[in-house]
Protein backbone atom coordinates (compact mmCIF):
# COMPACT_ATOMS: atom_id res chain seq x y z
CA MET A 1 168.24 -62.58 -18.44
CA ASP A 2 165.52 -65.24 -18.51
CA MET A 3 162.16 -63.44 -18.51
CA ALA A 4 160.91 -65.89 -15.88
CA VAL A 5 163.43 -64.53 -13.40
CA LYS A 6 161.79 -61.90 -11.21
CA ARG A 7 163.77 -58.83 -10.22
CA ILE A 8 163.60 -57.47 -6.66
CA LEU A 9 164.87 -53.92 -6.19
CA VAL A 10 165.86 -52.90 -2.66
CA LEU A 11 165.72 -49.17 -1.86
CA SER A 12 166.60 -49.63 1.83
CA PRO A 13 170.31 -49.40 2.72
CA LEU A 14 170.77 -53.18 2.68
CA PRO A 15 173.19 -55.24 0.55
CA ALA A 16 171.46 -57.35 -2.07
CA GLU A 17 173.13 -60.55 -0.86
CA LEU A 18 171.89 -59.93 2.68
CA VAL A 19 168.31 -59.62 1.41
CA ARG A 20 168.65 -62.82 -0.62
CA SER A 21 170.01 -64.63 2.46
CA LEU A 22 167.16 -63.31 4.60
CA ILE A 23 164.57 -64.51 2.08
CA SER A 24 166.15 -67.96 2.18
CA ALA A 25 166.13 -67.86 5.99
CA VAL A 26 162.44 -66.98 6.38
CA VAL A 27 161.10 -69.24 3.62
CA ALA A 28 161.67 -72.96 3.86
CA SER A 29 160.49 -73.92 0.36
CA ASP A 30 161.90 -72.87 -3.00
CA ASP A 31 158.64 -72.96 -4.97
CA HIS A 32 158.61 -69.20 -5.48
CA GLY A 33 160.56 -69.37 -8.74
CA GLU A 34 163.78 -67.72 -9.77
CA TYR A 35 164.56 -64.18 -8.71
CA GLU A 36 167.46 -61.77 -8.48
CA VAL A 37 167.99 -59.06 -5.90
CA ARG A 38 169.49 -55.67 -6.68
CA SER A 39 170.22 -52.83 -4.27
CA PHE A 40 169.72 -49.34 -5.62
CA GLU A 41 173.10 -47.65 -5.92
CA GLY A 42 172.24 -44.95 -8.43
CA ALA A 43 173.26 -41.33 -8.02
CA ASN A 44 170.55 -39.41 -9.84
CA ARG A 45 166.87 -39.27 -10.70
CA GLU A 46 167.24 -40.76 -14.17
CA GLU A 47 169.02 -43.83 -12.81
CA PHE A 48 166.41 -44.19 -10.10
CA LEU A 49 163.52 -44.18 -12.57
CA GLU A 50 165.33 -46.70 -14.78
CA GLU A 51 165.84 -49.02 -11.83
CA VAL A 52 162.22 -48.94 -10.64
CA ALA A 53 160.98 -49.39 -14.20
CA GLY A 54 162.81 -52.70 -14.44
CA ALA A 55 161.69 -54.11 -11.09
CA ASP A 56 159.00 -56.72 -10.49
CA ILE A 57 159.02 -56.13 -6.72
CA ILE A 58 160.34 -53.10 -4.84
CA VAL A 59 161.39 -53.13 -1.19
CA GLY A 60 160.99 -49.55 0.05
CA ASP A 61 163.42 -47.51 2.09
CA TYR A 62 162.92 -47.90 5.85
CA SER A 63 165.05 -44.78 6.40
CA PHE A 64 162.55 -42.73 4.31
CA HIS A 65 165.36 -41.03 2.38
CA ILE A 66 164.30 -42.56 -0.95
CA GLY A 67 160.67 -41.85 -1.68
CA MET A 68 158.45 -42.84 -4.56
CA ASP A 69 156.33 -40.01 -5.93
CA ALA A 70 153.73 -40.17 -8.68
CA GLU A 71 156.33 -40.20 -11.47
CA ALA A 72 158.18 -43.08 -9.83
CA MET A 73 154.94 -45.03 -9.39
CA ARG A 74 154.11 -44.58 -13.07
CA ALA A 75 157.61 -45.76 -14.01
CA ALA A 76 157.27 -48.79 -11.72
CA ALA A 77 154.02 -50.07 -13.26
CA PRO A 78 153.21 -52.93 -13.67
CA CYS A 79 155.08 -53.78 -10.45
CA LEU A 80 153.78 -56.78 -8.49
CA LEU A 81 154.36 -55.21 -5.06
CA ILE A 82 155.97 -52.30 -3.27
CA GLN A 83 156.77 -53.66 0.19
CA GLN A 84 157.64 -51.04 2.79
CA PRO A 85 159.71 -52.61 5.62
CA SER A 86 158.26 -50.33 8.28
CA VAL A 87 154.89 -49.24 9.59
CA GLY A 88 155.10 -45.71 8.14
CA TYR A 89 154.84 -45.13 4.40
CA GLN A 90 154.33 -41.37 4.08
CA HIS A 91 157.19 -41.17 1.53
CA LEU A 92 155.22 -43.31 -0.92
CA ASP A 93 152.46 -41.96 -3.18
CA VAL A 94 150.06 -44.80 -2.42
CA GLU A 95 147.18 -43.16 -4.30
CA GLU A 96 149.14 -43.01 -7.55
CA ALA A 97 150.28 -46.60 -6.94
CA ALA A 98 146.61 -47.60 -6.69
CA ARG A 99 145.85 -45.82 -9.95
CA GLN A 100 148.67 -47.80 -11.56
CA GLY A 101 147.39 -51.07 -10.07
CA ILE A 102 150.42 -51.51 -7.80
CA PRO A 103 149.76 -52.90 -4.31
CA VAL A 104 151.67 -51.14 -1.52
CA ALA A 105 152.09 -53.02 1.74
CA ASN A 106 153.68 -52.15 5.08
CA ALA A 107 154.65 -54.10 8.21
CA ALA A 108 151.64 -53.04 10.27
CA GLY A 109 151.71 -54.16 13.88
CA ALA A 110 155.24 -55.52 13.83
CA ASN A 111 156.56 -52.78 16.12
CA ALA A 112 153.46 -52.31 18.29
CA VAL A 113 154.91 -53.92 21.42
CA ALA A 114 158.16 -51.97 21.17
CA VAL A 115 156.36 -48.63 20.76
CA ALA A 116 153.95 -49.40 23.60
CA GLU A 117 156.82 -50.24 25.95
CA HIS A 118 158.65 -47.05 24.94
CA THR A 119 155.50 -45.06 25.67
CA ILE A 120 155.09 -46.42 29.19
CA LEU A 121 158.84 -46.15 29.85
CA GLY A 122 158.92 -42.50 28.79
CA ALA A 123 155.82 -41.56 30.74
CA LEU A 124 157.22 -43.12 33.91
CA ALA A 125 160.61 -41.46 33.41
CA CYS A 126 158.99 -38.03 33.07
CA LEU A 127 156.61 -38.48 35.99
CA LYS A 128 159.45 -39.61 38.24
CA LYS A 129 161.95 -37.00 36.93
CA LEU A 130 164.32 -39.86 36.19
CA ILE A 131 166.63 -37.90 33.87
CA LEU A 132 167.06 -35.05 36.39
CA GLN A 133 167.68 -37.49 39.23
CA ASN A 134 170.31 -39.31 37.18
CA GLU A 135 172.06 -36.10 36.10
CA LYS A 136 172.33 -34.80 39.65
CA THR A 137 173.48 -38.11 41.11
CA GLN A 138 176.06 -38.54 38.33
CA ARG A 139 177.50 -35.19 39.48
CA ALA A 140 177.54 -36.49 43.08
CA GLU A 141 174.74 -34.09 44.01
CA TRP A 142 172.51 -35.72 46.65
CA ALA A 143 169.06 -34.42 45.63
CA GLN A 144 166.98 -36.70 47.82
CA ASP A 145 165.12 -33.90 49.58
CA GLU A 146 165.19 -31.56 46.57
CA MET A 147 163.21 -33.95 44.36
CA ALA A 148 160.06 -33.46 46.39
CA GLY A 149 160.04 -29.85 45.21
CA HIS A 150 160.29 -30.92 41.57
CA GLY A 151 157.37 -33.32 41.93
CA VAL A 152 157.84 -37.06 41.61
CA PHE A 153 154.62 -38.85 40.65
CA GLU A 154 153.29 -42.38 40.28
CA LEU A 155 151.59 -43.63 37.14
CA CYS A 156 149.09 -45.54 39.25
CA GLY A 157 145.80 -43.69 39.56
CA LYS A 158 146.58 -41.28 36.73
CA VAL A 159 144.42 -40.62 33.67
CA LEU A 160 146.26 -41.86 30.60
CA ASP A 161 144.76 -40.64 27.35
CA ILE A 162 145.43 -42.34 24.03
CA VAL A 163 144.98 -40.51 20.73
CA GLY A 164 144.65 -43.17 18.03
CA MET A 165 143.36 -46.56 19.15
CA GLY A 166 144.94 -48.79 16.52
CA ARG A 167 147.30 -51.69 17.14
CA ILE A 168 149.79 -49.60 19.12
CA GLY A 169 147.12 -47.73 21.07
CA ARG A 170 145.62 -51.03 22.15
CA GLU A 171 149.01 -52.33 23.29
CA VAL A 172 149.52 -49.15 25.33
CA ALA A 173 146.07 -49.55 26.89
CA ALA A 174 146.84 -53.14 27.89
CA ARG A 175 150.02 -52.07 29.68
CA ALA A 176 148.58 -48.94 31.27
CA CYS A 177 145.75 -51.02 32.72
CA VAL A 178 148.29 -53.08 34.67
CA PHE A 179 149.68 -49.88 36.21
CA GLY A 180 146.24 -48.95 37.53
CA CYS A 181 145.55 -46.08 35.16
CA SER A 182 142.17 -44.75 34.07
CA ILE A 183 142.35 -45.00 30.28
CA VAL A 184 140.52 -42.62 27.98
CA TYR A 185 140.90 -42.54 24.20
CA TYR A 186 140.02 -40.54 21.11
CA ASP A 187 139.92 -41.87 17.56
CA VAL A 188 138.11 -40.71 14.45
CA VAL A 189 136.38 -44.10 14.48
CA ARG A 190 135.01 -45.07 17.87
CA LEU A 191 135.51 -48.69 18.94
CA PRO A 192 132.54 -51.02 19.38
CA SER A 193 131.28 -51.00 22.97
CA GLU A 194 132.41 -54.60 23.50
CA ASP A 195 135.99 -53.66 22.51
CA GLU A 196 135.91 -50.71 24.91
CA ARG A 197 134.82 -53.00 27.73
CA GLU A 198 137.48 -55.56 26.92
CA LEU A 199 140.24 -52.93 26.83
CA GLY A 200 138.89 -51.07 29.86
CA VAL A 201 138.78 -47.73 28.04
CA SER A 202 136.26 -44.92 27.63
CA PHE A 203 135.81 -42.47 24.76
CA LEU A 204 136.02 -38.66 24.86
CA ASP A 205 136.16 -35.93 22.27
CA LEU A 206 139.73 -34.69 21.77
CA ASP A 207 139.48 -31.36 23.60
CA GLU A 208 137.79 -32.96 26.62
CA LEU A 209 140.37 -35.73 26.59
CA LEU A 210 143.31 -33.32 26.63
CA ALA A 211 141.89 -31.33 29.53
CA SER A 212 141.46 -34.48 31.63
CA ALA A 213 144.81 -36.11 31.00
CA ASP A 214 147.80 -36.73 33.23
CA VAL A 215 149.54 -38.45 30.30
CA VAL A 216 148.63 -37.99 26.63
CA SER A 217 150.01 -40.64 24.27
CA LEU A 218 149.86 -39.97 20.51
CA HIS A 219 149.47 -42.89 18.11
CA ALA A 220 147.57 -41.34 15.21
CA PRO A 221 148.82 -41.69 11.62
CA LEU A 222 149.85 -38.57 9.71
CA THR A 223 146.98 -37.42 7.48
CA GLU A 224 145.61 -34.06 6.38
CA GLU A 225 143.30 -34.22 9.39
CA THR A 226 146.01 -35.06 11.96
CA ALA A 227 148.69 -32.63 10.75
CA ASN A 228 149.23 -30.09 13.56
CA LEU A 229 146.52 -31.89 15.56
CA LEU A 230 148.05 -30.66 18.80
CA ASP A 231 148.49 -26.97 18.07
CA ALA A 232 149.07 -24.20 20.62
CA ARG A 233 145.38 -24.03 21.54
CA ARG A 234 145.11 -27.73 22.29
CA ILE A 235 148.42 -27.89 24.13
CA ASN A 236 147.15 -25.08 26.35
CA LEU A 237 144.14 -27.24 27.28
CA MET A 238 146.42 -29.70 29.06
CA LYS A 239 147.22 -29.65 32.78
CA SER A 240 150.44 -27.95 33.85
CA THR A 241 151.59 -31.29 35.32
CA ALA A 242 150.66 -33.40 32.29
CA VAL A 243 153.13 -35.38 30.18
CA LEU A 244 152.86 -35.58 26.38
CA VAL A 245 154.26 -38.62 24.57
CA ASN A 246 154.65 -38.34 20.79
CA VAL A 247 155.66 -41.60 19.13
CA ALA A 248 153.38 -41.01 16.13
CA ARG A 249 154.69 -38.43 13.63
CA GLY A 250 156.46 -35.13 14.25
CA GLU A 251 153.96 -33.19 12.16
CA VAL A 252 151.09 -34.17 14.47
CA VAL A 253 152.39 -31.68 17.10
CA ASP A 254 153.33 -28.01 16.84
CA GLU A 255 156.93 -28.35 18.05
CA ARG A 256 157.38 -24.67 18.88
CA ALA A 257 154.15 -24.50 20.85
CA LEU A 258 155.15 -27.64 22.76
CA ALA A 259 158.62 -26.27 23.52
CA SER A 260 157.14 -22.97 24.74
CA ALA A 261 154.71 -24.77 27.06
CA LEU A 262 157.54 -26.83 28.53
CA ARG A 263 159.89 -23.87 29.05
CA GLU A 264 157.12 -21.77 30.60
CA ASN A 265 156.09 -24.59 32.99
CA ARG A 266 152.67 -24.89 31.38
CA LEU A 267 153.32 -28.58 30.81
CA GLY A 268 154.94 -31.13 33.08
CA GLY A 269 157.07 -33.01 30.57
CA ALA A 270 157.34 -34.57 27.14
CA VAL A 271 158.65 -37.71 25.47
CA VAL A 272 159.34 -37.13 21.77
CA ASP A 273 160.58 -39.77 19.34
CA VAL A 274 159.54 -38.15 16.03
CA TYR A 275 160.20 -34.74 14.52
CA VAL A 276 159.10 -32.54 11.65
CA ASP A 277 162.67 -32.61 10.31
CA GLU A 278 164.56 -35.89 10.65
CA PRO A 279 167.36 -36.30 11.53
CA ILE A 280 166.70 -33.74 14.25
CA ARG A 281 168.18 -30.31 13.53
CA PRO A 282 170.43 -28.51 16.03
CA ASP A 283 167.92 -25.64 16.16
CA ASN A 284 164.95 -27.84 17.02
CA PRO A 285 163.07 -25.91 19.75
CA LEU A 286 162.62 -29.03 21.89
CA ILE A 287 166.34 -29.46 22.49
CA GLY A 288 167.09 -28.43 26.06
CA ALA A 289 163.43 -28.12 27.11
CA PRO A 290 162.94 -29.10 30.78
CA ASN A 291 161.84 -32.64 31.71
CA THR A 292 161.91 -33.64 28.06
CA ILE A 293 163.18 -36.96 26.74
CA LEU A 294 164.20 -36.95 23.07
CA THR A 295 164.94 -40.18 21.20
CA PRO A 296 165.95 -40.61 17.52
CA HIS A 297 162.82 -42.27 16.08
CA THR A 298 163.68 -45.55 17.77
CA ALA A 299 160.53 -46.24 19.80
CA GLY A 300 159.65 -49.17 17.55
CA ALA A 301 163.20 -50.28 16.81
CA SER A 302 163.84 -53.12 19.22
CA ASN A 303 165.86 -56.12 18.07
CA GLU A 304 162.68 -58.19 18.29
CA SER A 305 160.58 -55.75 16.26
CA ARG A 306 163.26 -55.44 13.57
CA LEU A 307 163.15 -59.20 13.15
CA ARG A 308 159.34 -59.18 12.98
CA ILE A 309 159.39 -56.36 10.41
CA ILE A 310 161.93 -57.97 8.10
CA THR A 311 160.26 -61.37 8.42
CA ALA A 312 156.79 -60.01 7.63
CA SER A 313 158.13 -57.93 4.74
CA LEU A 314 160.06 -60.75 3.10
CA LEU A 315 157.24 -63.24 3.55
CA ASN A 316 155.09 -60.77 1.63
CA VAL A 317 157.74 -60.50 -1.07
CA VAL A 318 157.66 -64.28 -1.46
CA LYS A 319 153.85 -64.19 -1.65
CA ALA A 320 154.17 -61.72 -4.51
CA LEU A 321 156.68 -64.00 -6.25
CA LYS A 322 154.21 -66.88 -5.92
CA GLY A 323 151.17 -64.84 -6.93
CA GLU A 324 149.46 -65.32 -3.56
CA LYS A 325 147.23 -62.92 -1.63
CA LEU A 326 149.30 -60.21 0.06
CA ASP A 327 149.20 -59.06 3.68
CA ASN A 328 148.92 -55.49 5.03
CA VAL A 329 148.10 -53.81 1.71
CA VAL A 330 147.47 -50.13 2.48
CA ASN A 331 146.00 -48.95 -0.83
CA GLU A 332 143.41 -51.74 -1.36
CA VAL A 333 144.91 -53.00 -4.61
CA GLY A 334 144.14 -56.71 -4.95
CA THR A 335 142.35 -56.93 -1.60
């Protein structure tokens, strides 16, 4: 093979020809040089390390089944780019990549609208007991009078608390404002006062925030500091009528403590899109919990967001082919 031909290795479950066609679709010019695309089809660790060692650019696995640990990062060096076609990248050892001089980029912000809409949708569904109403009516049970006893609430006038005021948190705030909510947030880095005024939000420490909330929406990344952030103690701070929305990472919440609070009526409802073990296990304690909506990590997976993610990712791949400055680098290599 001509040494000028760059090799793109795709770890996501996508055919190589599809990726090549998508690159051609999102890039009008052909001044990025020659390249070939290969999809990883190996069956063992040795084959995997051989494949990454021969790649100039690696497109990560959006399903998170194929990770890249420190050994894989060392094998991949001197890779031009590891492009993760998702917002999350916890399956990549970004620190080792930085030590090897490999930039790692994600698709930050591409799914923010989808996740924000899912958050508001789930909160409304829980407050209005939409799932229960549907189930009863589907069985031809006329629960019109009964629903008053279950409690059917409006979002208007409620305190909506956001944990993690990044791109998604800001999109949630913008939508909650339209519904007439009071919006409070917590983040390890407080926003400038002018940003708070523009978004119509106020800051509280986490424990105070949880105690005040009618809806708590989690948008914090998974770090050592945020793992088990909402443990049993903090869940117990919340109102018995409050709704918890977790569209961040499963490990941010103690699933057993959350399930216990829901089953014991110490919490009004929950919307959960992410889990400690994915795919969700049959013995997950949240399955069957009252007024709980469980979705399969699809909050950010709208047709529109998928298109934005793949477009942003492949545009970055082309920038790497052309030697241009990369977008959304998460480990500060080359920034």
